[in-house]
Amino acid sequence: MGSFAQVFAEGDVITRTVALLLLAMSVAAWVLIFWKGWTLSRVRRDMARAVPAFWAAPGLDEAKTQLAAIDREQVLVPLLAAGLHSASAGTLEAAGQLESQLTRRLRDALHAVLAQLQYGQVLLASIGATAPFIGLFGTVWGIYHALLGISASGSISIDKVAGPVGEALVMTAAGLAVAIPAVLAYNLFGKWIGACEADLEGYAHDLREMLLERARASAERTRLH
């Protein structure tokens, strides 16, 4: 950390800009890591409790109440709301078969929930992909700047070369220090999101089948009466 601060203090405008950019990327990555880690952990815990509680409820009203109480991040509630939504009369949506309406609404709700879960993944991927190269650019510029200073002094020795070049290499290390946590978090969160997506798709499929069966039973009772 002292070397990084020394490079910043002794560097020119470009070196300081690179250092500040790496610092900003590091802060953004760690804030996102802590926030997404906390959020996705809540989602996984809530889904493990909410889905069994939903299917164990004696009726749909009780199931809605159970889901609303457990689903703190609102990843399952939108799917149920989409399944229970009634199309407005006279619209193209209402003209389609019930199976198609349910599929469309549940698909759109699922995409919205997945977009919510994937929020921030692009930033983590971008930081992980670009931070090493930004640090490398800082190193190259620092070495160039250091060699110019040595050349201007008129004397070259291993001591005068090793110090500035070693300090410039700190920028590469800083870029890797920023990128590695971002890449690891991106991969871990991607695995968690993939598991959540599979559970959400299973819930949406089962919900669709249940709602279709209820609609058929209701239509049959109406026909008999």
Protein backbone atom coordinates (compact mmCIF):
# COMPACT_ATOMS: atom_id res chain seq x y z
CA MET A 1 0.00 0.00 0.00
CA GLY A 2 2.90 2.30 0.78
CA SER A 3 4.43 1.66 -2.64
CA PHE A 4 1.11 2.38 -4.33
CA ALA A 5 0.81 5.65 -2.40
CA GLN A 6 4.40 6.50 -3.30
CA VAL A 7 3.76 5.85 -6.97
CA PHE A 8 0.70 8.10 -6.77
CA ALA A 9 2.63 10.86 -4.98
CA GLU A 10 5.60 10.79 -7.33
CA GLY A 11 3.74 10.06 -10.57
CA ASP A 12 2.48 12.43 -13.23
CA VAL A 13 -1.13 13.13 -14.21
CA ILE A 14 -1.56 9.90 -16.17
CA THR A 15 -0.11 7.74 -13.41
CA ARG A 16 -2.37 9.36 -10.84
CA THR A 17 -5.39 8.98 -13.13
CA VAL A 18 -4.69 5.25 -13.54
CA ALA A 19 -4.25 4.86 -9.77
CA LEU A 20 -7.51 6.66 -9.03
CA LEU A 21 -9.32 4.60 -11.67
CA LEU A 22 -8.07 1.36 -10.14
CA LEU A 23 -9.08 2.59 -6.69
CA ALA A 24 -12.58 3.47 -7.91
CA MET A 25 -12.93 0.08 -9.63
CA SER A 26 -11.81 -1.70 -6.46
CA VAL A 27 -14.32 0.18 -4.29
CA ALA A 28 -17.13 -0.46 -6.79
CA ALA A 29 -16.25 -4.16 -7.03
CA TRP A 30 -16.16 -4.71 -3.27
CA VAL A 31 -19.40 -2.81 -2.67
CA LEU A 32 -21.06 -4.91 -5.35
CA ILE A 33 -19.55 -8.13 -4.00
CA PHE A 34 -20.86 -7.54 -0.49
CA TRP A 35 -24.28 -6.35 -1.69
CA LYS A 36 -24.84 -9.15 -4.21
CA GLY A 37 -23.48 -11.78 -1.84
CA TRP A 38 -25.94 -10.67 0.83
CA THR A 39 -28.86 -10.39 -1.62
CA LEU A 40 -28.30 -13.72 -3.35
CA SER A 41 -27.84 -15.48 -0.01
CA ARG A 42 -31.24 -14.13 1.09
CA VAL A 43 -32.81 -15.22 -2.20
CA ARG A 44 -31.48 -18.76 -1.92
CA ARG A 45 -32.57 -19.11 1.71
CA ASP A 46 -36.02 -17.65 1.03
CA MET A 47 -36.63 -19.83 -2.02
CA ALA A 48 -35.68 -22.95 -0.07
CA ARG A 49 -38.38 -22.05 2.47
CA ALA A 50 -40.98 -20.32 0.30
CA VAL A 51 -41.55 -22.91 -2.41
CA PRO A 52 -42.31 -25.81 -0.02
CA ALA A 53 -44.47 -23.49 2.11
CA PHE A 54 -46.42 -22.43 -0.98
CA TRP A 55 -47.22 -25.98 -2.04
CA ALA A 56 -47.99 -27.03 1.53
CA ALA A 57 -50.66 -24.33 1.92
CA PRO A 58 -54.27 -25.58 2.00
CA GLY A 59 -55.47 -23.01 -0.54
CA LEU A 60 -54.28 -20.38 -2.97
CA ASP A 61 -55.06 -17.45 -0.66
CA GLU A 62 -53.03 -19.02 2.13
CA ALA A 63 -50.25 -19.80 -0.34
CA LYS A 64 -50.12 -16.15 -1.43
CA THR A 65 -49.86 -15.04 2.19
CA GLN A 66 -47.07 -17.52 2.89
CA LEU A 67 -45.16 -16.43 -0.19
CA ALA A 68 -45.47 -12.72 0.59
CA ALA A 69 -44.19 -13.28 4.13
CA ILE A 70 -41.12 -15.36 3.16
CA ASP A 71 -40.09 -13.97 -0.25
CA ARG A 72 -38.19 -10.89 0.97
CA GLU A 73 -36.41 -10.17 -2.34
CA GLN A 74 -39.60 -10.56 -4.40
CA VAL A 75 -38.45 -13.23 -6.83
CA LEU A 76 -41.38 -15.65 -6.47
CA VAL A 77 -44.22 -13.21 -5.82
CA PRO A 78 -44.00 -11.66 -9.34
CA LEU A 79 -44.39 -15.11 -10.90
CA LEU A 80 -47.53 -15.81 -8.87
CA ALA A 81 -48.90 -12.36 -9.66
CA ALA A 82 -48.29 -12.93 -13.36
CA GLY A 83 -50.01 -16.30 -13.22
CA LEU A 84 -53.07 -14.88 -11.48
CA HIS A 85 -53.32 -11.82 -13.72
CA SER A 86 -56.42 -11.66 -15.91
CA ALA A 87 -56.12 -10.30 -19.42
CA SER A 88 -58.28 -7.28 -20.25
CA ALA A 89 -61.24 -8.10 -22.43
CA GLY A 90 -60.95 -7.08 -26.05
CA THR A 91 -57.14 -7.31 -26.16
CA LEU A 92 -54.94 -9.58 -28.22
CA GLU A 93 -53.75 -11.20 -25.01
CA ALA A 94 -57.31 -12.16 -24.06
CA ALA A 95 -57.92 -13.58 -27.54
CA GLY A 96 -55.28 -16.27 -27.04
CA GLN A 97 -55.77 -19.60 -25.35
CA LEU A 98 -55.29 -19.71 -21.58
CA GLU A 99 -52.21 -21.93 -21.96
CA SER A 100 -50.54 -19.36 -24.21
CA GLN A 101 -51.51 -16.47 -21.95
CA LEU A 102 -50.01 -18.17 -18.90
CA THR A 103 -46.84 -19.11 -20.74
CA ARG A 104 -46.33 -15.55 -21.99
CA ARG A 105 -46.98 -13.89 -18.65
CA LEU A 106 -44.84 -16.32 -16.65
CA ARG A 107 -42.02 -16.06 -19.19
CA ASP A 108 -42.01 -12.26 -19.02
CA ALA A 109 -42.12 -12.31 -15.21
CA LEU A 110 -39.28 -14.85 -15.10
CA HIS A 111 -37.13 -12.72 -17.39
CA ALA A 112 -37.73 -9.67 -15.19
CA VAL A 113 -36.76 -11.60 -12.04
CA LEU A 114 -33.61 -12.97 -13.69
CA ALA A 115 -32.62 -9.47 -14.79
CA GLN A 116 -33.02 -8.41 -11.17
CA LEU A 117 -30.78 -11.26 -9.97
CA GLN A 118 -28.16 -10.58 -12.66
CA TYR A 119 -27.90 -6.88 -11.85
CA GLY A 120 -24.25 -5.91 -11.40
CA GLN A 121 -22.81 -8.97 -13.13
CA VAL A 122 -21.78 -6.92 -16.17
CA LEU A 123 -19.88 -4.47 -13.96
CA LEU A 124 -18.04 -7.28 -12.17
CA ALA A 125 -17.14 -8.89 -15.50
CA SER A 126 -15.95 -5.57 -16.90
CA ILE A 127 -13.78 -4.84 -13.87
CA GLY A 128 -12.31 -8.33 -13.93
CA ALA A 129 -11.54 -8.09 -17.65
CA THR A 130 -10.11 -4.56 -17.79
CA ALA A 131 -8.37 -3.94 -14.44
CA PRO A 132 -5.21 -5.99 -15.28
CA PHE A 133 -4.74 -4.09 -18.54
CA ILE A 134 -5.29 -0.73 -16.85
CA GLY A 135 -2.68 -1.69 -14.26
CA LEU A 136 -0.34 -2.85 -17.04
CA PHE A 137 -0.80 0.46 -18.83
CA GLY A 138 0.11 2.24 -15.59
CA THR A 139 3.23 0.09 -15.29
CA VAL A 140 4.31 0.76 -18.88
CA TRP A 141 3.75 4.47 -18.48
CA GLY A 142 5.54 4.48 -15.12
CA ILE A 143 8.57 2.68 -16.57
CA TYR A 144 8.63 5.08 -19.51
CA HIS A 145 8.37 8.04 -17.17
CA ALA A 146 11.11 6.61 -14.93
CA LEU A 147 13.46 5.96 -17.85
CA LEU A 148 12.98 9.51 -19.08
CA GLY A 149 14.00 10.78 -15.66
CA ILE A 150 17.05 8.52 -15.56
CA SER A 151 18.03 9.58 -19.07
CA ALA A 152 17.73 13.23 -18.13
CA SER A 153 20.01 12.73 -15.12
CA GLY A 154 22.80 11.57 -17.45
CA SER A 155 23.89 8.59 -15.33
CA ILE A 156 22.52 5.06 -15.32
CA SER A 157 23.07 2.51 -12.57
CA ILE A 158 21.20 -0.53 -11.36
CA ASP A 159 20.06 1.34 -8.26
CA LYS A 160 18.58 4.19 -10.25
CA VAL A 161 16.81 1.79 -12.61
CA ALA A 162 15.54 -0.79 -10.10
CA GLY A 163 13.78 1.70 -7.82
CA PRO A 164 11.55 3.49 -10.36
CA VAL A 165 10.87 0.32 -12.36
CA GLY A 166 9.96 -1.63 -9.23
CA GLU A 167 7.58 1.12 -8.15
CA ALA A 168 5.98 1.13 -11.59
CA LEU A 169 5.37 -2.62 -11.38
CA VAL A 170 3.16 -1.95 -8.36
CA MET A 171 0.50 -0.76 -10.82
CA THR A 172 0.35 -4.22 -12.41
CA ALA A 173 -0.01 -5.80 -8.99
CA ALA A 174 -2.76 -3.30 -8.15
CA GLY A 175 -4.63 -4.16 -11.35
CA LEU A 176 -4.49 -7.88 -10.51
CA ALA A 177 -5.60 -7.18 -6.93
CA VAL A 178 -8.66 -5.39 -8.30
CA ALA A 179 -9.46 -7.97 -10.99
CA ILE A 180 -9.08 -11.26 -9.11
CA PRO A 181 -11.84 -10.70 -6.48
CA ALA A 182 -14.17 -9.40 -9.21
CA VAL A 183 -13.61 -12.48 -11.40
CA LEU A 184 -14.02 -14.90 -8.50
CA ALA A 185 -17.20 -13.17 -7.34
CA TYR A 186 -18.58 -13.10 -10.90
CA ASN A 187 -18.09 -16.85 -11.26
CA LEU A 188 -19.55 -17.63 -7.83
CA PHE A 189 -22.57 -15.37 -8.30
CA GLY A 190 -23.11 -16.82 -11.77
CA LYS A 191 -23.33 -20.28 -10.23
CA TRP A 192 -25.78 -19.09 -7.59
CA ILE A 193 -27.93 -17.28 -10.17
CA GLY A 194 -27.95 -20.38 -12.36
CA ALA A 195 -29.23 -22.47 -9.44
CA CYS A 196 -31.90 -19.87 -8.68
CA GLU A 197 -32.92 -19.79 -12.34
CA ALA A 198 -33.42 -23.55 -12.38
CA ASP A 199 -35.58 -23.37 -9.24
CA LEU A 200 -37.58 -20.46 -10.62
CA GLU A 201 -38.23 -22.25 -13.91
CA GLY A 202 -39.40 -25.32 -12.01
CA TYR A 203 -41.71 -23.22 -9.85
CA ALA A 204 -43.09 -21.39 -12.90
CA HIS A 205 -43.74 -24.69 -14.69
CA ASP A 206 -45.52 -26.23 -11.70
CA LEU A 207 -47.49 -23.03 -11.12
CA ARG A 208 -48.64 -22.99 -14.73
CA GLU A 209 -49.84 -26.57 -14.53
CA MET A 210 -51.66 -25.92 -11.26
CA LEU A 211 -53.41 -22.80 -12.59
CA LEU A 212 -54.43 -24.59 -15.80
CA GLU A 213 -55.88 -27.48 -13.77
CA ARG A 214 -57.82 -25.02 -11.60
CA ALA A 215 -59.16 -23.29 -14.70
CA ARG A 216 -60.24 -26.62 -16.23
CA ALA A 217 -61.93 -27.68 -13.00
CA SER A 218 -63.73 -24.33 -12.76
CA ALA A 219 -64.88 -24.57 -16.37
CA GLU A 220 -66.14 -28.12 -15.76
CA ARG A 221 -68.12 -27.08 -12.69
CA THR A 222 -69.64 -24.19 -14.65
CA ARG A 223 -70.62 -26.52 -17.47
CA LEU A 224 -72.25 -29.00 -15.11
CA HIS A 225 -74.30 -26.28 -13.43
